[in-house]
Amino acid sequence: MPMPTAPAPRPASAPVAALDIGGTKIAGALVDADGRILARTQRPTPAGEDAEGVFGAVGAVLDALATSPAWAAAEAVGIGSAGPVDAARGTVSPVNVPGWRGFPLVERVGEHAGGRPVTLVGDGVAMTAAEHWLGAARGHADALGLVVSTGVGGGLVLGGRLHPGPTGNAGHIGHLSVDLDGDPCACGGRGCVERLASGPHIARHALDGGWRPGPDGDASAAAVAEAARAGHPAAVAAFERAARA
């Protein structure tokens, strides 16, 4: 009887570079096939600058990743960007980054990354894919993932498969109107989910209701969340308003 043989070791898959582009920060990482982060960096998003100024921050993130020993083995770049995005055309027009309107992000990142292939989806889609792979939605056939940050985004897993939609925006609920007489939104609509439930608007509503930052002056949504946990009525009301939206 032949002796059993040990299974051949599985070859290590090459890492990929990942970019997370939002209205507040641009983050980058090198990630292996098991989801381990090998290197990471970030820069503030110069959202008030023109298209090239904003891309300069993206280039700086890629350049920082390129100093990692793992960079040479990276075979591709994945981008999750604030929306809307157009994955078919490789362009982005984030509501909170006015300098980018139809900006050819896939082409420019590919050039900067030495010709590596680039895949683009909305940041909510990317987050949902990650949560279904390794996080809170693991093992579930259907999931809606929500990003609540400078903006509000989302992504869908249906029947166990990610559904980015034809443009990479499916599940992006941030610009659905939930208050037709609400405040104007940067997208051109009124009373959008993002206008009520994003981090900056949670903080603004708490301030309008009488909440005040502590001695450190932190007026972010994270500080409002701490106050809400402590029972401050204006902070609680700001999060209840966001949750209803």
C-alpha atoms as a PDB file:
ATOM      1  CA  MET A   1       0.000   0.000   0.000  1.00  0.00           C
ATOM      2  CA  PRO A   2       1.519   3.334  -0.927  1.00  0.00           C
ATOM      3  CA  MET A   3       2.358   5.638   1.926  1.00  0.00           C
ATOM      4  CA  PRO A   4       0.085   8.708   2.206  1.00  0.00           C
ATOM      5  CA  THR A   5       1.680  11.903   1.106  1.00  0.00           C
ATOM      6  CA  ALA A   6       1.304  15.278   2.711  1.00  0.00           C
ATOM      7  CA  PRO A   7      -0.683  17.812   0.707  1.00  0.00           C
ATOM      8  CA  ALA A   8       1.463  20.167  -1.276  1.00  0.00           C
ATOM      9  CA  PRO A   9       1.834  23.536   0.438  1.00  0.00           C
ATOM     10  CA  ARG A  10      -0.501  26.153  -0.990  1.00  0.00           C
ATOM     11  CA  PRO A  11       1.533  28.848  -2.722  1.00  0.00           C
ATOM     12  CA  ALA A  12       1.237  32.200  -1.071  1.00  0.00           C
ATOM     13  CA  SER A  13      -0.937  34.534  -3.082  1.00  0.00           C
ATOM     14  CA  ALA A  14       0.436  37.923  -3.962  1.00  0.00           C
ATOM     15  CA  PRO A  15      -0.786  40.868  -1.908  1.00  0.00           C
ATOM     16  CA  VAL A  16      -2.878  43.681  -3.344  1.00  0.00           C
ATOM     17  CA  ALA A  17      -2.830  47.400  -2.690  1.00  0.00           C
ATOM     18  CA  ALA A  18      -6.052  48.898  -1.350  1.00  0.00           C
ATOM     19  CA  LEU A  19      -7.153  52.537  -1.374  1.00  0.00           C
ATOM     20  CA  ASP A  20     -10.003  53.993   0.688  1.00  0.00           C
ATOM     21  CA  ILE A  21     -10.890  57.454  -0.575  1.00  0.00           C
ATOM     22  CA  GLY A  22     -13.216  59.628   1.487  1.00  0.00           C
ATOM     23  CA  GLY A  23     -13.982  63.245   2.146  1.00  0.00           C
ATOM     24  CA  THR A  24     -11.807  63.358   5.281  1.00  0.00           C
ATOM     25  CA  LYS A  25      -8.930  60.967   4.621  1.00  0.00           C
ATOM     26  CA  ILE A  26      -7.285  58.841   1.951  1.00  0.00           C
ATOM     27  CA  ALA A  27      -6.066  55.562   3.404  1.00  0.00           C
ATOM     28  CA  GLY A  28      -3.964  52.861   1.798  1.00  0.00           C
ATOM     29  CA  ALA A  29      -2.844  49.361   2.698  1.00  0.00           C
ATOM     30  CA  LEU A  30      -1.124  46.287   1.352  1.00  0.00           C
ATOM     31  CA  VAL A  31      -3.282  43.261   2.108  1.00  0.00           C
ATOM     32  CA  ASP A  32      -2.542  39.556   1.676  1.00  0.00           C
ATOM     33  CA  ALA A  33      -4.919  36.828   0.479  1.00  0.00           C
ATOM     34  CA  ASP A  34      -6.064  36.104   4.049  1.00  0.00           C
ATOM     35  CA  GLY A  35      -6.975  39.713   4.751  1.00  0.00           C
ATOM     36  CA  ARG A  36      -3.898  40.503   6.820  1.00  0.00           C
ATOM     37  CA  ILE A  37      -2.658  44.075   6.563  1.00  0.00           C
ATOM     38  CA  LEU A  38       1.042  44.120   5.710  1.00  0.00           C
ATOM     39  CA  ALA A  39       1.452  47.898   5.565  1.00  0.00           C
ATOM     40  CA  ARG A  40      -0.836  50.881   5.946  1.00  0.00           C
ATOM     41  CA  THR A  41      -0.761  54.660   5.678  1.00  0.00           C
ATOM     42  CA  GLN A  42      -3.093  57.621   5.254  1.00  0.00           C
ATOM     43  CA  ARG A  43      -3.198  61.299   4.376  1.00  0.00           C
ATOM     44  CA  PRO A  44      -5.864  63.962   4.944  1.00  0.00           C
ATOM     45  CA  THR A  45      -8.094  64.563   1.924  1.00  0.00           C
ATOM     46  CA  PRO A  46      -7.470  68.088   0.609  1.00  0.00           C
ATOM     47  CA  ALA A  47     -11.156  68.266  -0.337  1.00  0.00           C
ATOM     48  CA  GLY A  48     -11.038  72.001  -1.033  1.00  0.00           C
ATOM     49  CA  GLU A  49      -8.298  71.712  -3.663  1.00  0.00           C
ATOM     50  CA  ASP A  50      -8.588  71.159  -7.387  1.00  0.00           C
ATOM     51  CA  ALA A  51      -8.481  67.746  -9.056  1.00  0.00           C
ATOM     52  CA  GLU A  52      -4.686  67.524  -9.180  1.00  0.00           C
ATOM     53  CA  GLY A  53      -4.330  68.675  -5.606  1.00  0.00           C
ATOM     54  CA  VAL A  54      -6.595  65.891  -4.413  1.00  0.00           C
ATOM     55  CA  PHE A  55      -4.815  63.325  -6.555  1.00  0.00           C
ATOM     56  CA  GLY A  56      -1.527  64.494  -5.083  1.00  0.00           C
ATOM     57  CA  ALA A  57      -2.677  63.046  -1.754  1.00  0.00           C
ATOM     58  CA  VAL A  58      -3.576  59.753  -3.471  1.00  0.00           C
ATOM     59  CA  GLY A  59      -0.118  59.671  -5.035  1.00  0.00           C
ATOM     60  CA  ALA A  60       1.475  60.322  -1.651  1.00  0.00           C
ATOM     61  CA  VAL A  61      -0.369  57.339  -0.169  1.00  0.00           C
ATOM     62  CA  LEU A  62       0.753  55.088  -3.017  1.00  0.00           C
ATOM     63  CA  ASP A  63       4.324  56.345  -2.692  1.00  0.00           C
ATOM     64  CA  ALA A  64       4.291  55.555   1.018  1.00  0.00           C
ATOM     65  CA  LEU A  65       3.037  52.030   0.332  1.00  0.00           C
ATOM     66  CA  ALA A  66       5.784  51.622  -2.267  1.00  0.00           C
ATOM     67  CA  THR A  67       8.387  51.896   0.507  1.00  0.00           C
ATOM     68  CA  SER A  68       7.141  48.592   1.960  1.00  0.00           C
ATOM     69  CA  PRO A  69       9.059  45.408   1.054  1.00  0.00           C
ATOM     70  CA  ALA A  70       5.682  43.881   0.097  1.00  0.00           C
ATOM     71  CA  TRP A  71       4.997  46.486  -2.602  1.00  0.00           C
ATOM     72  CA  ALA A  72       7.022  44.762  -5.312  1.00  0.00           C
ATOM     73  CA  ALA A  73       4.860  41.630  -5.003  1.00  0.00           C
ATOM     74  CA  ALA A  74       1.538  43.503  -5.155  1.00  0.00           C
ATOM     75  CA  GLU A  75      -0.248  42.478  -8.336  1.00  0.00           C
ATOM     76  CA  ALA A  76      -3.257  44.809  -8.374  1.00  0.00           C
ATOM     77  CA  VAL A  77      -4.907  47.842  -6.791  1.00  0.00           C
ATOM     78  CA  GLY A  78      -8.439  47.964  -5.413  1.00  0.00           C
ATOM     79  CA  ILE A  79     -10.188  51.276  -4.761  1.00  0.00           C
ATOM     80  CA  GLY A  80     -13.212  51.933  -2.580  1.00  0.00           C
ATOM     81  CA  SER A  81     -14.188  55.559  -3.140  1.00  0.00           C
ATOM     82  CA  ALA A  82     -16.821  57.893  -1.792  1.00  0.00           C
ATOM     83  CA  GLY A  83     -19.517  58.172  -4.401  1.00  0.00           C
ATOM     84  CA  PRO A  84     -20.922  58.391  -6.800  1.00  0.00           C
ATOM     85  CA  VAL A  85     -18.443  56.339  -8.794  1.00  0.00           C
ATOM     86  CA  ASP A  86     -18.648  55.029 -12.342  1.00  0.00           C
ATOM     87  CA  ALA A  87     -16.879  51.693 -12.290  1.00  0.00           C
ATOM     88  CA  ALA A  88     -17.555  51.123 -15.993  1.00  0.00           C
ATOM     89  CA  ARG A  89     -15.730  54.308 -16.969  1.00  0.00           C
ATOM     90  CA  GLY A  90     -13.256  54.268 -14.088  1.00  0.00           C
ATOM     91  CA  THR A  91     -14.265  57.739 -12.915  1.00  0.00           C
ATOM     92  CA  VAL A  92     -15.349  59.248  -9.587  1.00  0.00           C
ATOM     93  CA  SER A  93     -17.408  62.285  -8.604  1.00  0.00           C
ATOM     94  CA  PRO A  94     -17.554  62.235  -4.778  1.00  0.00           C
ATOM     95  CA  VAL A  95     -20.154  64.646  -3.418  1.00  0.00           C
ATOM     96  CA  ASN A  96     -17.765  65.733  -0.652  1.00  0.00           C
ATOM     97  CA  VAL A  97     -14.786  66.256  -2.991  1.00  0.00           C
ATOM     98  CA  PRO A  98     -15.981  68.963  -5.411  1.00  0.00           C
ATOM     99  CA  GLY A  99     -12.658  69.089  -7.287  1.00  0.00           C
ATOM    100  CA  TRP A 100     -13.338  65.624  -8.677  1.00  0.00           C
ATOM    101  CA  ARG A 101     -16.141  65.478 -11.202  1.00  0.00           C
ATOM    102  CA  GLY A 102     -15.770  62.604 -13.651  1.00  0.00           C
ATOM    103  CA  PHE A 103     -12.154  62.286 -12.516  1.00  0.00           C
ATOM    104  CA  PRO A 104     -10.367  59.365 -14.275  1.00  0.00           C
ATOM    105  CA  LEU A 105      -9.178  57.772 -11.045  1.00  0.00           C
ATOM    106  CA  VAL A 106      -8.634  54.235 -12.367  1.00  0.00           C
ATOM    107  CA  GLU A 107      -6.402  55.466 -15.195  1.00  0.00           C
ATOM    108  CA  ARG A 108      -4.402  57.799 -12.976  1.00  0.00           C
ATOM    109  CA  VAL A 109      -3.887  55.256 -10.187  1.00  0.00           C
ATOM    110  CA  GLY A 110      -2.861  52.623 -12.727  1.00  0.00           C
ATOM    111  CA  GLU A 111      -0.229  54.953 -14.141  1.00  0.00           C
ATOM    112  CA  HIS A 112       1.072  55.879 -10.691  1.00  0.00           C
ATOM    113  CA  ALA A 113       1.145  52.229  -9.598  1.00  0.00           C
ATOM    114  CA  GLY A 114       3.362  51.104 -12.450  1.00  0.00           C
ATOM    115  CA  GLY A 115       0.636  49.769 -14.726  1.00  0.00           C
ATOM    116  CA  ARG A 116      -0.932  47.408 -12.199  1.00  0.00           C
ATOM    117  CA  PRO A 117      -4.595  46.550 -12.924  1.00  0.00           C
ATOM    118  CA  VAL A 118      -7.063  48.647 -10.916  1.00  0.00           C
ATOM    119  CA  THR A 119     -10.597  47.824  -9.760  1.00  0.00           C
ATOM    120  CA  LEU A 120     -12.998  50.553  -8.568  1.00  0.00           C
ATOM    121  CA  VAL A 121     -16.191  50.305  -6.494  1.00  0.00           C
ATOM    122  CA  GLY A 122     -18.018  52.566  -4.078  1.00  0.00           C
ATOM    123  CA  ASP A 123     -16.576  52.568  -0.573  1.00  0.00           C
ATOM    124  CA  GLY A 124     -19.760  51.092   0.867  1.00  0.00           C
ATOM    125  CA  VAL A 125     -19.564  48.221  -1.605  1.00  0.00           C
ATOM    126  CA  ALA A 126     -15.934  47.568  -0.632  1.00  0.00           C
ATOM    127  CA  MET A 127     -16.777  47.656   3.067  1.00  0.00           C
ATOM    128  CA  THR A 128     -19.688  45.252   2.587  1.00  0.00           C
ATOM    129  CA  ALA A 129     -17.471  42.859   0.634  1.00  0.00           C
ATOM    130  CA  ALA A 130     -14.969  42.881   3.489  1.00  0.00           C
ATOM    131  CA  GLU A 131     -17.614  42.344   6.171  1.00  0.00           C
ATOM    132  CA  HIS A 132     -19.071  39.434   4.198  1.00  0.00           C
ATOM    133  CA  TRP A 133     -15.623  37.924   3.721  1.00  0.00           C
ATOM    134  CA  LEU A 134     -14.156  38.345   7.201  1.00  0.00           C
ATOM    135  CA  GLY A 135     -16.481  40.404   9.392  1.00  0.00           C
ATOM    136  CA  ALA A 136     -19.982  40.889  10.784  1.00  0.00           C
ATOM    137  CA  ALA A 137     -21.815  39.545   7.706  1.00  0.00           C
ATOM    138  CA  ARG A 138     -19.704  36.402   7.372  1.00  0.00           C
ATOM    139  CA  GLY A 139     -21.857  33.328   6.810  1.00  0.00           C
ATOM    140  CA  HIS A 140     -24.958  35.331   5.865  1.00  0.00           C
ATOM    141  CA  ALA A 141     -26.463  35.102   2.382  1.00  0.00           C
ATOM    142  CA  ASP A 142     -27.881  38.638   2.349  1.00  0.00           C
ATOM    143  CA  ALA A 143     -26.533  41.834   3.873  1.00  0.00           C
ATOM    144  CA  LEU A 144     -26.763  45.597   3.577  1.00  0.00           C
ATOM    145  CA  GLY A 145     -23.587  47.271   4.796  1.00  0.00           C
ATOM    146  CA  LEU A 146     -23.661  50.970   5.695  1.00  0.00           C
ATOM    147  CA  VAL A 147     -20.807  53.452   5.915  1.00  0.00           C
ATOM    148  CA  VAL A 148     -21.564  56.396   8.198  1.00  0.00           C
ATOM    149  CA  SER A 149     -18.636  58.781   7.960  1.00  0.00           C
ATOM    150  CA  THR A 150     -18.130  62.140   6.206  1.00  0.00           C
ATOM    151  CA  GLY A 151     -20.842  60.770   3.922  1.00  0.00           C
ATOM    152  CA  VAL A 152     -23.261  57.846   4.057  1.00  0.00           C
ATOM    153  CA  GLY A 153     -22.720  54.932   1.684  1.00  0.00           C
ATOM    154  CA  GLY A 154     -23.750  51.328   1.414  1.00  0.00           C
ATOM    155  CA  GLY A 155     -23.330  48.002  -0.333  1.00  0.00           C
ATOM    156  CA  LEU A 156     -25.358  44.842  -0.939  1.00  0.00           C
ATOM    157  CA  VAL A 157     -24.705  41.121  -0.712  1.00  0.00           C
ATOM    158  CA  LEU A 158     -27.608  39.111  -2.150  1.00  0.00           C
ATOM    159  CA  GLY A 159     -27.710  35.342  -2.334  1.00  0.00           C
ATOM    160  CA  GLY A 160     -24.137  35.155  -1.092  1.00  0.00           C
ATOM    161  CA  ARG A 161     -22.771  37.355  -3.877  1.00  0.00           C
ATOM    162  CA  LEU A 162     -21.672  40.962  -3.874  1.00  0.00           C
ATOM    163  CA  HIS A 163     -23.938  43.143  -6.055  1.00  0.00           C
ATOM    164  CA  PRO A 164     -22.102  46.367  -6.943  1.00  0.00           C
ATOM    165  CA  GLY A 165     -24.499  47.148  -9.772  1.00  0.00           C
ATOM    166  CA  PRO A 166     -23.497  48.318 -13.253  1.00  0.00           C
ATOM    167  CA  THR A 167     -21.670  51.409 -11.982  1.00  0.00           C
ATOM    168  CA  GLY A 168     -20.395  50.182  -8.613  1.00  0.00           C
ATOM    169  CA  ASN A 169     -22.951  52.160  -6.559  1.00  0.00           C
ATOM    170  CA  ALA A 170     -25.674  49.620  -5.688  1.00  0.00           C
ATOM    171  CA  GLY A 171     -26.718  49.999  -2.043  1.00  0.00           C
ATOM    172  CA  HIS A 172     -25.492  53.600  -1.843  1.00  0.00           C
ATOM    173  CA  ILE A 173     -28.472  54.960   0.112  1.00  0.00           C
ATOM    174  CA  GLY A 174     -26.881  58.215   1.245  1.00  0.00           C
ATOM    175  CA  HIS A 175     -28.648  60.342  -1.343  1.00  0.00           C
ATOM    176  CA  LEU A 176     -32.127  58.951  -1.045  1.00  0.00           C
ATOM    177  CA  SER A 177     -34.409  61.755   0.108  1.00  0.00           C
ATOM    178  CA  VAL A 178     -36.155  60.999   3.404  1.00  0.00           C
ATOM    179  CA  ASP A 179     -37.412  64.556   4.010  1.00  0.00           C
ATOM    180  CA  LEU A 180     -38.717  66.274   0.880  1.00  0.00           C
ATOM    181  CA  ASP A 181     -38.773  69.633   2.698  1.00  0.00           C
ATOM    182  CA  GLY A 182     -35.399  69.082   4.356  1.00  0.00           C
ATOM    183  CA  ASP A 183     -32.145  70.992   4.080  1.00  0.00           C
ATOM    184  CA  PRO A 184     -30.455  71.234   0.663  1.00  0.00           C
ATOM    185  CA  CYS A 185     -27.777  68.596   0.102  1.00  0.00           C
ATOM    186  CA  ALA A 186     -24.516  68.998  -1.809  1.00  0.00           C
ATOM    187  CA  CYS A 187     -25.831  66.466  -4.345  1.00  0.00           C
ATOM    188  CA  GLY A 188     -28.602  68.854  -5.378  1.00  0.00           C
ATOM    189  CA  GLY A 189     -31.395  67.066  -3.529  1.00  0.00           C
ATOM    190  CA  ARG A 190     -33.152  67.881  -0.269  1.00  0.00           C
ATOM    191  CA  GLY A 191     -33.382  65.979   2.970  1.00  0.00           C
ATOM    192  CA  CYS A 192     -31.011  63.200   1.915  1.00  0.00           C
ATOM    193  CA  VAL A 193     -30.042  60.461   4.369  1.00  0.00           C
ATOM    194  CA  GLU A 194     -26.495  61.822   4.303  1.00  0.00           C
ATOM    195  CA  ARG A 195     -27.705  65.307   5.197  1.00  0.00           C
ATOM    196  CA  LEU A 196     -29.238  63.936   8.391  1.00  0.00           C
ATOM    197  CA  ALA A 197     -27.068  60.958   9.292  1.00  0.00           C
ATOM    198  CA  SER A 198     -23.445  61.625   8.295  1.00  0.00           C
ATOM    199  CA  GLY A 199     -20.883  62.264  11.011  1.00  0.00           C
ATOM    200  CA  PRO A 200     -20.571  66.029  10.452  1.00  0.00           C
ATOM    201  CA  HIS A 201     -24.368  66.486  10.417  1.00  0.00           C
ATOM    202  CA  ILE A 202     -24.806  64.394  13.567  1.00  0.00           C
ATOM    203  CA  ALA A 203     -22.319  66.727  15.264  1.00  0.00           C
ATOM    204  CA  ARG A 204     -23.988  69.848  13.856  1.00  0.00           C
ATOM    205  CA  HIS A 205     -27.430  68.761  15.063  1.00  0.00           C
ATOM    206  CA  ALA A 206     -26.070  68.036  18.543  1.00  0.00           C
ATOM    207  CA  LEU A 207     -24.470  71.486  18.676  1.00  0.00           C
ATOM    208  CA  ASP A 208     -27.725  73.078  17.518  1.00  0.00           C
ATOM    209  CA  GLY A 209     -29.512  71.223  20.319  1.00  0.00           C
ATOM    210  CA  GLY A 210     -27.211  72.533  23.034  1.00  0.00           C
ATOM    211  CA  TRP A 211     -24.432  69.981  23.313  1.00  0.00           C
ATOM    212  CA  ARG A 212     -20.974  71.467  23.730  1.00  0.00           C
ATOM    213  CA  PRO A 213     -17.517  69.867  23.313  1.00  0.00           C
ATOM    214  CA  GLY A 214     -15.384  69.108  26.334  1.00  0.00           C
ATOM    215  CA  PRO A 215     -12.139  70.843  27.301  1.00  0.00           C
ATOM    216  CA  ASP A 216     -10.292  69.239  24.375  1.00  0.00           C
ATOM    217  CA  GLY A 217     -12.603  71.029  21.916  1.00  0.00           C
ATOM    218  CA  ASP A 218     -13.463  67.810  20.058  1.00  0.00           C
ATOM    219  CA  ALA A 219     -16.710  68.521  18.177  1.00  0.00           C
ATOM    220  CA  SER A 220     -16.683  65.357  16.069  1.00  0.00           C
ATOM    221  CA  ALA A 221     -19.430  62.750  15.816  1.00  0.00           C
ATOM    222  CA  ALA A 222     -17.213  60.439  17.881  1.00  0.00           C
ATOM    223  CA  ALA A 223     -17.319  62.979  20.736  1.00  0.00           C
ATOM    224  CA  VAL A 224     -21.103  63.265  20.335  1.00  0.00           C
ATOM    225  CA  ALA A 225     -21.293  59.457  20.551  1.00  0.00           C
ATOM    226  CA  GLU A 226     -19.454  59.513  23.880  1.00  0.00           C
ATOM    227  CA  ALA A 227     -21.870  62.156  25.148  1.00  0.00           C
ATOM    228  CA  ALA A 228     -24.836  60.108  23.936  1.00  0.00           C
ATOM    229  CA  ARG A 229     -23.579  57.054  25.825  1.00  0.00           C
ATOM    230  CA  ALA A 230     -23.406  59.263  28.924  1.00  0.00           C
ATOM    231  CA  GLY A 231     -27.024  60.298  28.347  1.00  0.00           C
ATOM    232  CA  HIS A 232     -26.691  63.886  27.087  1.00  0.00           C
ATOM    233  CA  PRO A 233     -30.159  64.591  25.632  1.00  0.00           C
ATOM    234  CA  ALA A 234     -28.984  66.635  22.629  1.00  0.00           C
ATOM    235  CA  ALA A 235     -26.402  63.999  21.703  1.00  0.00           C
ATOM    236  CA  VAL A 236     -28.969  61.208  22.064  1.00  0.00           C
ATOM    237  CA  ALA A 237     -31.429  63.190  19.912  1.00  0.00           C
ATOM    238  CA  ALA A 238     -28.824  63.680  17.173  1.00  0.00           C
ATOM    239  CA  PHE A 239     -28.226  59.928  16.905  1.00  0.00           C
ATOM    240  CA  GLU A 240     -31.944  59.118  17.086  1.00  0.00           C
ATOM    241  CA  ARG A 241     -32.533  61.547  14.202  1.00  0.00           C
ATOM    242  CA  ALA A 242     -29.757  59.883  12.181  1.00  0.00           C
ATOM    243  CA  ALA A 243     -31.121  56.409  12.921  1.00  0.00           C
ATOM    244  CA  ARG A 244     -34.627  57.407  11.782  1.00  0.00           C
ATOM    245  CA  ALA A 245     -33.171  58.732   8.510  1.00  0.00           C
END
